[in-house]
């Protein structure tokens, strides 16, 4: 009954098979391996972007921070949700890799809104040497609270960015989960909606540790290569990153794992609703935020369940309502979910 994170599950067999196969021979290092050529072609095809520059790194933090650094000068600021991963969970990595550029937080408790983004941008005046200058907009899809921006919502946000000539980055750590939830294409959720660069996540959805950075403007390619090397994120035995991504993309495995994860979360949410549990945010993909009594939290933890308490500890009054975050991945079984629900 492991709902702590979709980072915690096993590697998908198709991914592992490609990694094992890549270990059987020699290959050129530093991204010159033939598997990377296969990956690049597949991602370009999936995103309907034949000129896109495609790179791999091992972590989402590196993907986001290095991509944003390519669009942000040290004297600029990155506009993001106040609950964005780059604000809450990356230990100032975007600031570090961009040379200490600032983050400007857009007020929201889940999805960013155009009005809030516009207020944040216009509050940063132009031409004042004493203030941070306007830089890129970063949108998280799926959000850190489990929300999914619709295509209309994405386009409204990117329209605000373009009004001010600002580039748009998408943190797609759970890109596949959002895509499945919307039932759209990768192109529709990115460059057709005004996104300039996306971190296309693999680790949370069945990979061992690999993320793709996709630039729809190939002019940023050389800068990213330099930043990746300087930032110590260019793997010498790169083929093991390439193999993971190749296995992930093969036969639509990345979409299948996301469909399973989202369906698992929907099954869990349905059971929680039947038990009368209240949600902090309406579940849209594979994350659930819910509140229920401490006594049930204790019972679940005693039974071996693992998930994050959001606003308290197991010590205290049994009746106090505590929030929790529960995340489903592709590997958890319906039996485990039902076992979890049996404690309500």
C-alpha atoms as a PDB file:
ATOM      1  CA  UNK A   1       0.000   0.000   0.000  1.00  0.00           C
ATOM      2  CA  UNK A   2       2.610   2.502  -1.141  1.00  0.00           C
ATOM      3  CA  UNK A   3       1.144   5.884  -2.090  1.00  0.00           C
ATOM      4  CA  UNK A   4       4.019   8.124  -0.998  1.00  0.00           C
ATOM      5  CA  UNK A   5       5.267   8.945  -4.498  1.00  0.00           C
ATOM      6  CA  UNK A   6       5.308   7.778  -8.091  1.00  0.00           C
ATOM      7  CA  UNK A   7       9.103   8.033  -7.773  1.00  0.00           C
ATOM      8  CA  UNK A   8       9.072   4.988  -5.514  1.00  0.00           C
ATOM      9  CA  UNK A   9       7.736   2.278  -7.825  1.00  0.00           C
ATOM     10  CA  UNK A  10       9.692  -0.260  -9.857  1.00  0.00           C
ATOM     11  CA  UNK A  11      11.119   0.271 -13.313  1.00  0.00           C
ATOM     12  CA  UNK A  12       8.821  -0.835 -16.115  1.00  0.00           C
ATOM     13  CA  UNK A  13       9.960  -4.122 -17.732  1.00  0.00           C
ATOM     14  CA  UNK A  14      10.198  -2.552 -21.210  1.00  0.00           C
ATOM     15  CA  UNK A  15      12.554   0.091 -19.840  1.00  0.00           C
ATOM     16  CA  UNK A  16      14.666  -2.434 -17.978  1.00  0.00           C
ATOM     17  CA  UNK A  17      14.884  -4.696 -21.036  1.00  0.00           C
ATOM     18  CA  UNK A  18      16.333  -1.856 -23.123  1.00  0.00           C
ATOM     19  CA  UNK A  19      18.854  -0.987 -20.414  1.00  0.00           C
ATOM     20  CA  UNK A  20      20.003  -4.628 -20.236  1.00  0.00           C
ATOM     21  CA  UNK A  21      20.245  -4.789 -24.023  1.00  0.00           C
ATOM     22  CA  UNK A  22      22.325  -1.588 -24.054  1.00  0.00           C
ATOM     23  CA  UNK A  23      24.763  -3.246 -21.662  1.00  0.00           C
ATOM     24  CA  UNK A  24      25.716  -5.955 -24.138  1.00  0.00           C
ATOM     25  CA  UNK A  25      28.090  -3.969 -26.353  1.00  0.00           C
ATOM     26  CA  UNK A  26      30.105  -0.789 -26.767  1.00  0.00           C
ATOM     27  CA  UNK A  27      28.653   2.579 -27.754  1.00  0.00           C
ATOM     28  CA  UNK A  28      30.001   6.082 -28.250  1.00  0.00           C
ATOM     29  CA  UNK A  29      29.707   8.245 -25.105  1.00  0.00           C
ATOM     30  CA  UNK A  30      28.188  11.652 -24.298  1.00  0.00           C
ATOM     31  CA  UNK A  31      24.983  11.275 -26.291  1.00  0.00           C
ATOM     32  CA  UNK A  32      26.605  10.045 -29.506  1.00  0.00           C
ATOM     33  CA  UNK A  33      25.131   6.553 -29.075  1.00  0.00           C
ATOM     34  CA  UNK A  34      22.799   5.230 -31.795  1.00  0.00           C
ATOM     35  CA  UNK A  35      19.980   4.713 -29.297  1.00  0.00           C
ATOM     36  CA  UNK A  36      19.894   8.487 -28.770  1.00  0.00           C
ATOM     37  CA  UNK A  37      19.318   8.936 -32.488  1.00  0.00           C
ATOM     38  CA  UNK A  38      16.308   6.630 -32.140  1.00  0.00           C
ATOM     39  CA  UNK A  39      15.023   8.557 -29.110  1.00  0.00           C
ATOM     40  CA  UNK A  40      15.441  11.918 -30.805  1.00  0.00           C
ATOM     41  CA  UNK A  41      13.497  10.739 -33.841  1.00  0.00           C
ATOM     42  CA  UNK A  42      10.712   9.248 -31.712  1.00  0.00           C
ATOM     43  CA  UNK A  43      10.270  12.368 -29.582  1.00  0.00           C
ATOM     44  CA  UNK A  44      10.257  14.604 -32.644  1.00  0.00           C
ATOM     45  CA  UNK A  45       7.582  12.370 -34.154  1.00  0.00           C
ATOM     46  CA  UNK A  46       5.484  12.273 -30.982  1.00  0.00           C
ATOM     47  CA  UNK A  47       5.626  16.065 -30.649  1.00  0.00           C
ATOM     48  CA  UNK A  48       5.153  16.702 -34.411  1.00  0.00           C
ATOM     49  CA  UNK A  49       8.288  18.830 -34.218  1.00  0.00           C
ATOM     50  CA  UNK A  50      10.872  17.645 -36.761  1.00  0.00           C
ATOM     51  CA  UNK A  51      13.307  20.462 -35.932  1.00  0.00           C
ATOM     52  CA  UNK A  52      13.103  20.153 -32.138  1.00  0.00           C
ATOM     53  CA  UNK A  53      16.321  19.854 -30.142  1.00  0.00           C
ATOM     54  CA  UNK A  54      16.079  16.877 -27.774  1.00  0.00           C
ATOM     55  CA  UNK A  55      18.372  16.161 -24.822  1.00  0.00           C
ATOM     56  CA  UNK A  56      18.379  13.763 -21.870  1.00  0.00           C
ATOM     57  CA  UNK A  57      19.326  14.288 -18.244  1.00  0.00           C
ATOM     58  CA  UNK A  58      18.916  12.040 -15.225  1.00  0.00           C
ATOM     59  CA  UNK A  59      16.741  14.231 -12.987  1.00  0.00           C
ATOM     60  CA  UNK A  60      13.756  16.519 -13.206  1.00  0.00           C
ATOM     61  CA  UNK A  61      15.611  19.184 -11.272  1.00  0.00           C
ATOM     62  CA  UNK A  62      18.345  19.258 -13.917  1.00  0.00           C
ATOM     63  CA  UNK A  63      15.787  19.283 -16.729  1.00  0.00           C
ATOM     64  CA  UNK A  64      13.878  22.243 -15.309  1.00  0.00           C
ATOM     65  CA  UNK A  65      16.828  24.254 -14.060  1.00  0.00           C
ATOM     66  CA  UNK A  66      18.995  23.892 -17.168  1.00  0.00           C
ATOM     67  CA  UNK A  67      16.092  24.543 -19.544  1.00  0.00           C
ATOM     68  CA  UNK A  68      15.034  27.673 -17.668  1.00  0.00           C
ATOM     69  CA  UNK A  69      18.627  28.910 -17.542  1.00  0.00           C
ATOM     70  CA  UNK A  70      18.659  28.964 -21.350  1.00  0.00           C
ATOM     71  CA  UNK A  71      15.816  31.489 -21.293  1.00  0.00           C
ATOM     72  CA  UNK A  72      16.756  33.548 -18.251  1.00  0.00           C
ATOM     73  CA  UNK A  73      19.529  36.064 -17.659  1.00  0.00           C
ATOM     74  CA  UNK A  74      20.864  36.440 -14.081  1.00  0.00           C
ATOM     75  CA  UNK A  75      19.164  39.845 -13.734  1.00  0.00           C
ATOM     76  CA  UNK A  76      15.766  38.476 -14.752  1.00  0.00           C
ATOM     77  CA  UNK A  77      13.002  36.703 -12.843  1.00  0.00           C
ATOM     78  CA  UNK A  78      11.126  33.484 -13.572  1.00  0.00           C
ATOM     79  CA  UNK A  79       7.346  33.655 -13.096  1.00  0.00           C
ATOM     80  CA  UNK A  80       5.879  30.509 -11.537  1.00  0.00           C
ATOM     81  CA  UNK A  81       3.081  29.341  -9.282  1.00  0.00           C
ATOM     82  CA  UNK A  82       3.805  29.706  -5.584  1.00  0.00           C
ATOM     83  CA  UNK A  83       3.245  25.937  -5.302  1.00  0.00           C
ATOM     84  CA  UNK A  84       5.414  25.088  -8.322  1.00  0.00           C
ATOM     85  CA  UNK A  85       8.016  22.349  -7.983  1.00  0.00           C
ATOM     86  CA  UNK A  86      10.765  24.810  -8.917  1.00  0.00           C
ATOM     87  CA  UNK A  87       9.726  26.912  -5.906  1.00  0.00           C
ATOM     88  CA  UNK A  88       8.935  24.239  -3.323  1.00  0.00           C
ATOM     89  CA  UNK A  89      11.177  21.289  -4.103  1.00  0.00           C
ATOM     90  CA  UNK A  90      14.345  22.133  -6.015  1.00  0.00           C
ATOM     91  CA  UNK A  91      16.544  23.786  -3.364  1.00  0.00           C
ATOM     92  CA  UNK A  92      17.057  26.944  -5.482  1.00  0.00           C
ATOM     93  CA  UNK A  93      18.443  24.921  -8.420  1.00  0.00           C
ATOM     94  CA  UNK A  94      16.776  27.189 -11.035  1.00  0.00           C
ATOM     95  CA  UNK A  95      18.315  30.209  -9.328  1.00  0.00           C
ATOM     96  CA  UNK A  96      21.699  28.477  -9.135  1.00  0.00           C
ATOM     97  CA  UNK A  97      21.841  27.364 -12.781  1.00  0.00           C
ATOM     98  CA  UNK A  98      20.539  30.691 -14.093  1.00  0.00           C
ATOM     99  CA  UNK A  99      23.198  32.633 -12.199  1.00  0.00           C
ATOM    100  CA  UNK A 100      20.955  33.698  -9.300  1.00  0.00           C
ATOM    101  CA  UNK A 101      17.920  34.848 -11.270  1.00  0.00           C
ATOM    102  CA  UNK A 102      14.931  35.452  -9.024  1.00  0.00           C
ATOM    103  CA  UNK A 103      11.616  33.563  -8.840  1.00  0.00           C
ATOM    104  CA  UNK A 104       8.478  35.697  -8.832  1.00  0.00           C
ATOM    105  CA  UNK A 105       5.587  33.739  -7.355  1.00  0.00           C
ATOM    106  CA  UNK A 106       2.146  33.890  -8.927  1.00  0.00           C
ATOM    107  CA  UNK A 107      -0.600  33.685  -6.302  1.00  0.00           C
ATOM    108  CA  UNK A 108      -2.570  30.441  -6.524  1.00  0.00           C
ATOM    109  CA  UNK A 109      -3.304  27.327  -4.484  1.00  0.00           C
ATOM    110  CA  UNK A 110      -3.221  25.031  -7.525  1.00  0.00           C
ATOM    111  CA  UNK A 111      -3.436  25.988 -11.200  1.00  0.00           C
ATOM    112  CA  UNK A 112      -2.052  29.305 -12.354  1.00  0.00           C
ATOM    113  CA  UNK A 113      -4.602  31.766 -13.766  1.00  0.00           C
ATOM    114  CA  UNK A 114      -4.088  34.364 -16.520  1.00  0.00           C
ATOM    115  CA  UNK A 115      -5.205  37.258 -14.300  1.00  0.00           C
ATOM    116  CA  UNK A 116      -2.813  36.295 -11.513  1.00  0.00           C
ATOM    117  CA  UNK A 117       0.026  35.837 -13.998  1.00  0.00           C
ATOM    118  CA  UNK A 118      -0.661  39.211 -15.603  1.00  0.00           C
ATOM    119  CA  UNK A 119      -0.636  40.927 -12.206  1.00  0.00           C
ATOM    120  CA  UNK A 120       2.694  39.311 -11.342  1.00  0.00           C
ATOM    121  CA  UNK A 121       4.254  40.311 -14.674  1.00  0.00           C
ATOM    122  CA  UNK A 122       3.010  43.900 -14.678  1.00  0.00           C
ATOM    123  CA  UNK A 123       4.164  44.347 -11.078  1.00  0.00           C
ATOM    124  CA  UNK A 124       7.694  43.882 -12.414  1.00  0.00           C
ATOM    125  CA  UNK A 125       8.188  47.178 -14.186  1.00  0.00           C
ATOM    126  CA  UNK A 126      10.529  47.610 -17.120  1.00  0.00           C
ATOM    127  CA  UNK A 127      13.551  49.867 -17.309  1.00  0.00           C
ATOM    128  CA  UNK A 128      14.315  50.113 -13.598  1.00  0.00           C
ATOM    129  CA  UNK A 129      17.937  49.129 -13.051  1.00  0.00           C
ATOM    130  CA  UNK A 130      17.197  48.482  -9.365  1.00  0.00           C
ATOM    131  CA  UNK A 131      14.610  45.731 -10.041  1.00  0.00           C
ATOM    132  CA  UNK A 132      14.621  42.242 -11.566  1.00  0.00           C
ATOM    133  CA  UNK A 133      13.724  42.261 -15.239  1.00  0.00           C
ATOM    134  CA  UNK A 134      10.979  40.070 -16.678  1.00  0.00           C
ATOM    135  CA  UNK A 135      11.983  36.543 -17.665  1.00  0.00           C
ATOM    136  CA  UNK A 136      10.334  33.251 -18.602  1.00  0.00           C
ATOM    137  CA  UNK A 137       7.010  31.873 -17.387  1.00  0.00           C
ATOM    138  CA  UNK A 138       7.050  28.332 -15.978  1.00  0.00           C
ATOM    139  CA  UNK A 139       3.854  26.251 -15.973  1.00  0.00           C
ATOM    140  CA  UNK A 140       3.594  22.930 -14.116  1.00  0.00           C
ATOM    141  CA  UNK A 141       1.537  20.215 -15.828  1.00  0.00           C
ATOM    142  CA  UNK A 142       0.373  18.170 -13.739  1.00  0.00           C
ATOM    143  CA  UNK A 143       0.472  20.775 -10.943  1.00  0.00           C
ATOM    144  CA  UNK A 144       1.948  20.045  -7.537  1.00  0.00           C
ATOM    145  CA  UNK A 145      -1.592  19.839  -6.160  1.00  0.00           C
ATOM    146  CA  UNK A 146      -2.761  17.349  -8.757  1.00  0.00           C
ATOM    147  CA  UNK A 147      -4.501  19.748 -11.129  1.00  0.00           C
ATOM    148  CA  UNK A 148      -4.331  19.650 -14.910  1.00  0.00           C
ATOM    149  CA  UNK A 149      -4.502  22.817 -17.006  1.00  0.00           C
ATOM    150  CA  UNK A 150      -6.909  22.382 -19.917  1.00  0.00           C
ATOM    151  CA  UNK A 151      -5.690  23.359 -23.387  1.00  0.00           C
ATOM    152  CA  UNK A 152      -7.750  26.551 -23.173  1.00  0.00           C
ATOM    153  CA  UNK A 153      -6.183  27.347 -19.809  1.00  0.00           C
ATOM    154  CA  UNK A 154      -2.690  26.701 -21.143  1.00  0.00           C
ATOM    155  CA  UNK A 155      -3.300  28.891 -24.163  1.00  0.00           C
ATOM    156  CA  UNK A 156      -4.673  31.682 -21.989  1.00  0.00           C
ATOM    157  CA  UNK A 157      -1.516  31.580 -19.847  1.00  0.00           C
ATOM    158  CA  UNK A 158       0.866  31.514 -22.802  1.00  0.00           C
ATOM    159  CA  UNK A 159      -1.077  34.374 -24.398  1.00  0.00           C
ATOM    160  CA  UNK A 160      -0.337  36.518 -21.339  1.00  0.00           C
ATOM    161  CA  UNK A 161       3.334  35.561 -21.569  1.00  0.00           C
ATOM    162  CA  UNK A 162       3.466  36.407 -25.261  1.00  0.00           C
ATOM    163  CA  UNK A 163       1.790  39.785 -24.620  1.00  0.00           C
ATOM    164  CA  UNK A 164       4.968  40.626 -22.735  1.00  0.00           C
ATOM    165  CA  UNK A 165       7.347  38.790 -25.123  1.00  0.00           C
ATOM    166  CA  UNK A 166       8.213  36.192 -22.478  1.00  0.00           C
ATOM    167  CA  UNK A 167       9.153  32.571 -23.280  1.00  0.00           C
ATOM    168  CA  UNK A 168       7.220  29.697 -21.700  1.00  0.00           C
ATOM    169  CA  UNK A 169       8.630  26.621 -19.982  1.00  0.00           C
ATOM    170  CA  UNK A 170       6.545  23.595 -19.026  1.00  0.00           C
ATOM    171  CA  UNK A 171       7.528  21.399 -16.096  1.00  0.00           C
ATOM    172  CA  UNK A 172       6.264  18.067 -17.397  1.00  0.00           C
ATOM    173  CA  UNK A 173       7.472  15.696 -14.698  1.00  0.00           C
ATOM    174  CA  UNK A 174       3.999  14.108 -14.974  1.00  0.00           C
ATOM    175  CA  UNK A 175       3.544  15.090 -18.611  1.00  0.00           C
ATOM    176  CA  UNK A 176       2.068  11.733 -19.645  1.00  0.00           C
ATOM    177  CA  UNK A 177      -0.483  11.782 -16.810  1.00  0.00           C
ATOM    178  CA  UNK A 178      -1.685  15.222 -17.909  1.00  0.00           C
ATOM    179  CA  UNK A 179      -1.780  14.176 -21.556  1.00  0.00           C
ATOM    180  CA  UNK A 180      -3.915  11.125 -20.792  1.00  0.00           C
ATOM    181  CA  UNK A 181      -6.216  13.196 -18.586  1.00  0.00           C
ATOM    182  CA  UNK A 182      -6.808  15.701 -21.397  1.00  0.00           C
ATOM    183  CA  UNK A 183      -6.932  13.178 -24.235  1.00  0.00           C
ATOM    184  CA  UNK A 184      -4.830  15.424 -26.464  1.00  0.00           C
ATOM    185  CA  UNK A 185      -1.538  15.128 -28.347  1.00  0.00           C
ATOM    186  CA  UNK A 186       1.912  16.174 -27.097  1.00  0.00           C
ATOM    187  CA  UNK A 187       1.998  18.912 -29.736  1.00  0.00           C
ATOM    188  CA  UNK A 188      -1.378  20.282 -28.630  1.00  0.00           C
ATOM    189  CA  UNK A 189      -0.227  20.486 -25.011  1.00  0.00           C
ATOM    190  CA  UNK A 190       3.085  22.160 -25.849  1.00  0.00           C
ATOM    191  CA  UNK A 191       4.134  24.166 -28.879  1.00  0.00           C
ATOM    192  CA  UNK A 192       0.642  24.401 -30.369  1.00  0.00           C
ATOM    193  CA  UNK A 193      -0.394  25.991 -27.073  1.00  0.00           C
ATOM    194  CA  UNK A 194       2.544  28.390 -27.002  1.00  0.00           C
ATOM    195  CA  UNK A 195       5.125  26.434 -24.971  1.00  0.00           C
ATOM    196  CA  UNK A 196       8.765  26.994 -25.970  1.00  0.00           C
ATOM    197  CA  UNK A 197      10.490  24.248 -23.977  1.00  0.00           C
ATOM    198  CA  UNK A 198       9.245  21.248 -21.990  1.00  0.00           C
ATOM    199  CA  UNK A 199      10.793  18.854 -19.537  1.00  0.00           C
ATOM    200  CA  UNK A 200       9.259  15.551 -20.623  1.00  0.00           C
ATOM    201  CA  UNK A 201       9.261  13.308 -17.568  1.00  0.00           C
ATOM    202  CA  UNK A 202      10.051   9.619 -17.459  1.00  0.00           C
ATOM    203  CA  UNK A 203      11.189   8.852 -13.914  1.00  0.00           C
ATOM    204  CA  UNK A 204       7.764   9.153 -12.247  1.00  0.00           C
ATOM    205  CA  UNK A 205       6.093   7.037 -14.912  1.00  0.00           C
ATOM    206  CA  UNK A 206       8.180   3.867 -15.179  1.00  0.00           C
ATOM    207  CA  UNK A 207      11.778   4.876 -15.894  1.00  0.00           C
ATOM    208  CA  UNK A 208      14.817   4.352 -13.688  1.00  0.00           C
ATOM    209  CA  UNK A 209      15.958   7.958 -13.924  1.00  0.00           C
ATOM    210  CA  UNK A 210      15.673   9.940 -17.154  1.00  0.00           C
ATOM    211  CA  UNK A 211      13.982  13.137 -18.325  1.00  0.00           C
ATOM    212  CA  UNK A 212      13.968  14.674 -21.783  1.00  0.00           C
ATOM    213  CA  UNK A 213      14.329  18.375 -22.466  1.00  0.00           C
ATOM    214  CA  UNK A 214      12.636  19.357 -25.706  1.00  0.00           C
ATOM    215  CA  UNK A 215      13.335  22.771 -27.260  1.00  0.00           C
ATOM    216  CA  UNK A 216      10.921  23.693 -30.015  1.00  0.00           C
ATOM    217  CA  UNK A 217      13.362  26.454 -30.994  1.00  0.00           C
ATOM    218  CA  UNK A 218      16.550  24.596 -32.006  1.00  0.00           C
ATOM    219  CA  UNK A 219      18.551  27.820 -31.672  1.00  0.00           C
ATOM    220  CA  UNK A 220      18.765  27.045 -27.952  1.00  0.00           C
ATOM    221  CA  UNK A 221      20.441  23.680 -28.579  1.00  0.00           C
ATOM    222  CA  UNK A 222      24.103  24.702 -28.318  1.00  0.00           C
ATOM    223  CA  UNK A 223      23.523  26.794 -25.203  1.00  0.00           C
ATOM    224  CA  UNK A 224      21.815  23.846 -23.517  1.00  0.00           C
ATOM    225  CA  UNK A 225      24.689  21.545 -24.438  1.00  0.00           C
ATOM    226  CA  UNK A 226      27.141  23.943 -22.839  1.00  0.00           C
ATOM    227  CA  UNK A 227      25.023  24.421 -19.727  1.00  0.00           C
ATOM    228  CA  UNK A 228      24.463  20.694 -19.353  1.00  0.00           C
ATOM    229  CA  UNK A 229      28.196  19.977 -19.524  1.00  0.00           C
ATOM    230  CA  UNK A 230      29.160  22.888 -17.272  1.00  0.00           C
ATOM    231  CA  UNK A 231      26.464  21.845 -14.813  1.00  0.00           C
ATOM    232  CA  UNK A 232      27.856  18.280 -14.590  1.00  0.00           C
ATOM    233  CA  UNK A 233      24.779  16.648 -16.145  1.00  0.00           C
ATOM    234  CA  UNK A 234      26.302  15.237 -19.339  1.00  0.00           C
ATOM    235  CA  UNK A 235      26.565  11.466 -18.791  1.00  0.00           C
ATOM    236  CA  UNK A 236      29.569   9.715 -20.287  1.00  0.00           C
ATOM    237  CA  UNK A 237      27.724   6.372 -20.554  1.00  0.00           C
ATOM    238  CA  UNK A 238      24.768   8.233 -21.988  1.00  0.00           C
ATOM    239  CA  UNK A 239      23.402   5.151 -23.714  1.00  0.00           C
ATOM    240  CA  UNK A 240      21.847   4.055 -20.414  1.00  0.00           C
ATOM    241  CA  UNK A 241      19.765   7.231 -20.396  1.00  0.00           C
ATOM    242  CA  UNK A 242      18.913   6.719 -24.062  1.00  0.00           C
ATOM    243  CA  UNK A 243      17.945   3.093 -23.476  1.00  0.00           C
ATOM    244  CA  UNK A 244      15.543   4.032 -20.711  1.00  0.00           C
ATOM    245  CA  UNK A 245      13.806   6.629 -22.855  1.00  0.00           C
ATOM    246  CA  UNK A 246      13.720   4.269 -25.843  1.00  0.00           C
ATOM    247  CA  UNK A 247      12.033   1.581 -23.752  1.00  0.00           C
ATOM    248  CA  UNK A 248       9.647   4.156 -22.316  1.00  0.00           C
ATOM    249  CA  UNK A 249       8.559   5.341 -25.751  1.00  0.00           C
ATOM    250  CA  UNK A 250       8.402   1.890 -27.379  1.00  0.00           C
ATOM    251  CA  UNK A 251       4.909   0.760 -28.385  1.00  0.00           C
ATOM    252  CA  UNK A 252       3.316   3.590 -26.404  1.00  0.00           C
ATOM    253  CA  UNK A 253       4.494   2.248 -23.035  1.00  0.00           C
ATOM    254  CA  UNK A 254       4.681   5.801 -21.636  1.00  0.00           C
ATOM    255  CA  UNK A 255       0.999   6.389 -22.379  1.00  0.00           C
ATOM    256  CA  UNK A 256      -0.063   2.985 -21.090  1.00  0.00           C
ATOM    257  CA  UNK A 257       1.674   3.463 -17.741  1.00  0.00           C
ATOM    258  CA  UNK A 258       0.094   6.908 -17.364  1.00  0.00           C
ATOM    259  CA  UNK A 259      -3.359   5.527 -18.171  1.00  0.00           C
ATOM    260  CA  UNK A 260      -2.939   2.849 -15.515  1.00  0.00           C
ATOM    261  CA  UNK A 261      -1.678   5.348 -12.920  1.00  0.00           C
ATOM    262  CA  UNK A 262      -4.565   7.747 -13.582  1.00  0.00           C
ATOM    263  CA  UNK A 263      -7.091   4.904 -13.483  1.00  0.00           C
ATOM    264  CA  UNK A 264      -5.628   3.696 -10.185  1.00  0.00           C
ATOM    265  CA  UNK A 265      -6.023   7.178  -8.722  1.00  0.00           C
ATOM    266  CA  UNK A 266      -9.598   7.390  -9.993  1.00  0.00           C
ATOM    267  CA  UNK A 267     -10.379   4.044  -8.331  1.00  0.00           C
ATOM    268  CA  UNK A 268      -8.846   5.258  -5.070  1.00  0.00           C
ATOM    269  CA  UNK A 269     -10.727   8.561  -5.267  1.00  0.00           C
ATOM    270  CA  UNK A 270     -14.012   6.764  -5.891  1.00  0.00           C
ATOM    271  CA  UNK A 271     -13.490   4.614  -2.804  1.00  0.00           C
ATOM    272  CA  UNK A 272     -12.566   7.614  -0.673  1.00  0.00           C
ATOM    273  CA  UNK A 273     -15.687   9.464  -1.819  1.00  0.00           C
ATOM    274  CA  UNK A 274     -17.855   6.507  -0.841  1.00  0.00           C
ATOM    275  CA  UNK A 275     -16.237   6.658   2.597  1.00  0.00           C
ATOM    276  CA  UNK A 276     -17.195  10.330   2.902  1.00  0.00           C
ATOM    277  CA  UNK A 277     -13.659  11.678   2.592  1.00  0.00           C
ATOM    278  CA  UNK A 278     -13.289  15.331   1.564  1.00  0.00           C
ATOM    279  CA  UNK A 279     -10.758  16.396  -1.060  1.00  0.00           C
ATOM    280  CA  UNK A 280      -8.560  19.465  -0.805  1.00  0.00           C
ATOM    281  CA  UNK A 281      -8.323  19.592  -4.596  1.00  0.00           C
ATOM    282  CA  UNK A 282     -10.391  17.759  -7.172  1.00  0.00           C
ATOM    283  CA  UNK A 283      -8.277  14.825  -8.448  1.00  0.00           C
ATOM    284  CA  UNK A 284      -7.454  15.197 -12.131  1.00  0.00           C
ATOM    285  CA  UNK A 285      -4.582  12.774 -12.796  1.00  0.00           C
ATOM    286  CA  UNK A 286      -2.699  10.465 -10.411  1.00  0.00           C
ATOM    287  CA  UNK A 287      -2.433  12.565  -7.220  1.00  0.00           C
ATOM    288  CA  UNK A 288      -5.008  12.884  -4.464  1.00  0.00           C
ATOM    289  CA  UNK A 289      -5.103  15.376  -1.594  1.00  0.00           C
ATOM    290  CA  UNK A 290      -7.689  14.422   1.028  1.00  0.00           C
ATOM    291  CA  UNK A 291      -8.505  15.011   4.687  1.00  0.00           C
ATOM    292  CA  UNK A 292      -9.662  12.405   7.216  1.00  0.00           C
ATOM    293  CA  UNK A 293      -9.336  11.698  10.957  1.00  0.00           C
ATOM    294  CA  UNK A 294      -6.012  10.990  12.629  1.00  0.00           C
ATOM    295  CA  UNK A 295      -7.385   7.681  13.936  1.00  0.00           C
ATOM    296  CA  UNK A 296      -7.708   6.398  10.355  1.00  0.00           C
ATOM    297  CA  UNK A 297      -4.237   7.672   9.493  1.00  0.00           C
ATOM    298  CA  UNK A 298      -2.868   5.687  12.442  1.00  0.00           C
ATOM    299  CA  UNK A 299      -4.752   2.576  11.400  1.00  0.00           C
ATOM    300  CA  UNK A 300      -3.438   2.855   7.849  1.00  0.00           C
ATOM    301  CA  UNK A 301       0.159   3.376   8.932  1.00  0.00           C
ATOM    302  CA  UNK A 302      -0.065   0.485  11.392  1.00  0.00           C
ATOM    303  CA  UNK A 303      -1.268  -1.682   8.502  1.00  0.00           C
ATOM    304  CA  UNK A 304       1.777  -0.720   6.435  1.00  0.00           C
ATOM    305  CA  UNK A 305       0.369   2.050   4.243  1.00  0.00           C
ATOM    306  CA  UNK A 306       2.836   4.731   3.193  1.00  0.00           C
ATOM    307  CA  UNK A 307       1.877   8.239   2.064  1.00  0.00           C
ATOM    308  CA  UNK A 308       2.661  11.801   3.135  1.00  0.00           C
ATOM    309  CA  UNK A 309       0.789  13.620   5.870  1.00  0.00           C
ATOM    310  CA  UNK A 310       0.337  17.171   4.660  1.00  0.00           C
ATOM    311  CA  UNK A 311      -0.412  19.186   7.785  1.00  0.00           C
ATOM    312  CA  UNK A 312       0.324  17.267  10.977  1.00  0.00           C
ATOM    313  CA  UNK A 313       1.710  14.134  12.617  1.00  0.00           C
ATOM    314  CA  UNK A 314       0.307  10.838  13.845  1.00  0.00           C
ATOM    315  CA  UNK A 315       0.577  12.074  17.431  1.00  0.00           C
ATOM    316  CA  UNK A 316      -2.482  13.803  18.848  1.00  0.00           C
ATOM    317  CA  UNK A 317      -6.251  13.683  19.106  1.00  0.00           C
ATOM    318  CA  UNK A 318      -7.855  10.777  17.212  1.00  0.00           C
ATOM    319  CA  UNK A 319     -10.636  12.921  15.816  1.00  0.00           C
ATOM    320  CA  UNK A 320      -8.506  15.714  14.411  1.00  0.00           C
ATOM    321  CA  UNK A 321      -8.743  15.951  10.627  1.00  0.00           C
ATOM    322  CA  UNK A 322      -5.387  15.683   8.857  1.00  0.00           C
ATOM    323  CA  UNK A 323      -4.654  16.176   5.182  1.00  0.00           C
ATOM    324  CA  UNK A 324      -2.645  13.676   3.170  1.00  0.00           C
ATOM    325  CA  UNK A 325      -1.140  13.368  -0.288  1.00  0.00           C
ATOM    326  CA  UNK A 326      -1.533  10.023  -2.021  1.00  0.00           C
ATOM    327  CA  UNK A 327       0.038   9.271  -5.390  1.00  0.00           C
ATOM    328  CA  UNK A 328      -0.682   6.276  -7.611  1.00  0.00           C
ATOM    329  CA  UNK A 329       1.759   4.890 -10.157  1.00  0.00           C
ATOM    330  CA  UNK A 330       1.376   2.240 -12.841  1.00  0.00           C
ATOM    331  CA  UNK A 331       2.614  -0.602 -10.656  1.00  0.00           C
ATOM    332  CA  UNK A 332       0.265  -0.545  -7.685  1.00  0.00           C
ATOM    333  CA  UNK A 333      -2.441  -3.208  -7.848  1.00  0.00           C
ATOM    334  CA  UNK A 334      -6.184  -2.769  -7.394  1.00  0.00           C
ATOM    335  CA  UNK A 335      -5.943  -5.271  -4.545  1.00  0.00           C
ATOM    336  CA  UNK A 336      -3.561  -2.948  -2.703  1.00  0.00           C
ATOM    337  CA  UNK A 337      -5.864   0.004  -3.314  1.00  0.00           C
ATOM    338  CA  UNK A 338      -8.861  -1.948  -2.049  1.00  0.00           C
ATOM    339  CA  UNK A 339      -6.877  -3.090   0.969  1.00  0.00           C
ATOM    340  CA  UNK A 340      -6.091   0.576   1.712  1.00  0.00           C
ATOM    341  CA  UNK A 341      -9.763   1.524   1.369  1.00  0.00           C
ATOM    342  CA  UNK A 342     -10.856  -1.279   3.694  1.00  0.00           C
ATOM    343  CA  UNK A 343      -9.487   0.705   6.644  1.00  0.00           C
ATOM    344  CA  UNK A 344     -12.023   3.523   6.235  1.00  0.00           C
END
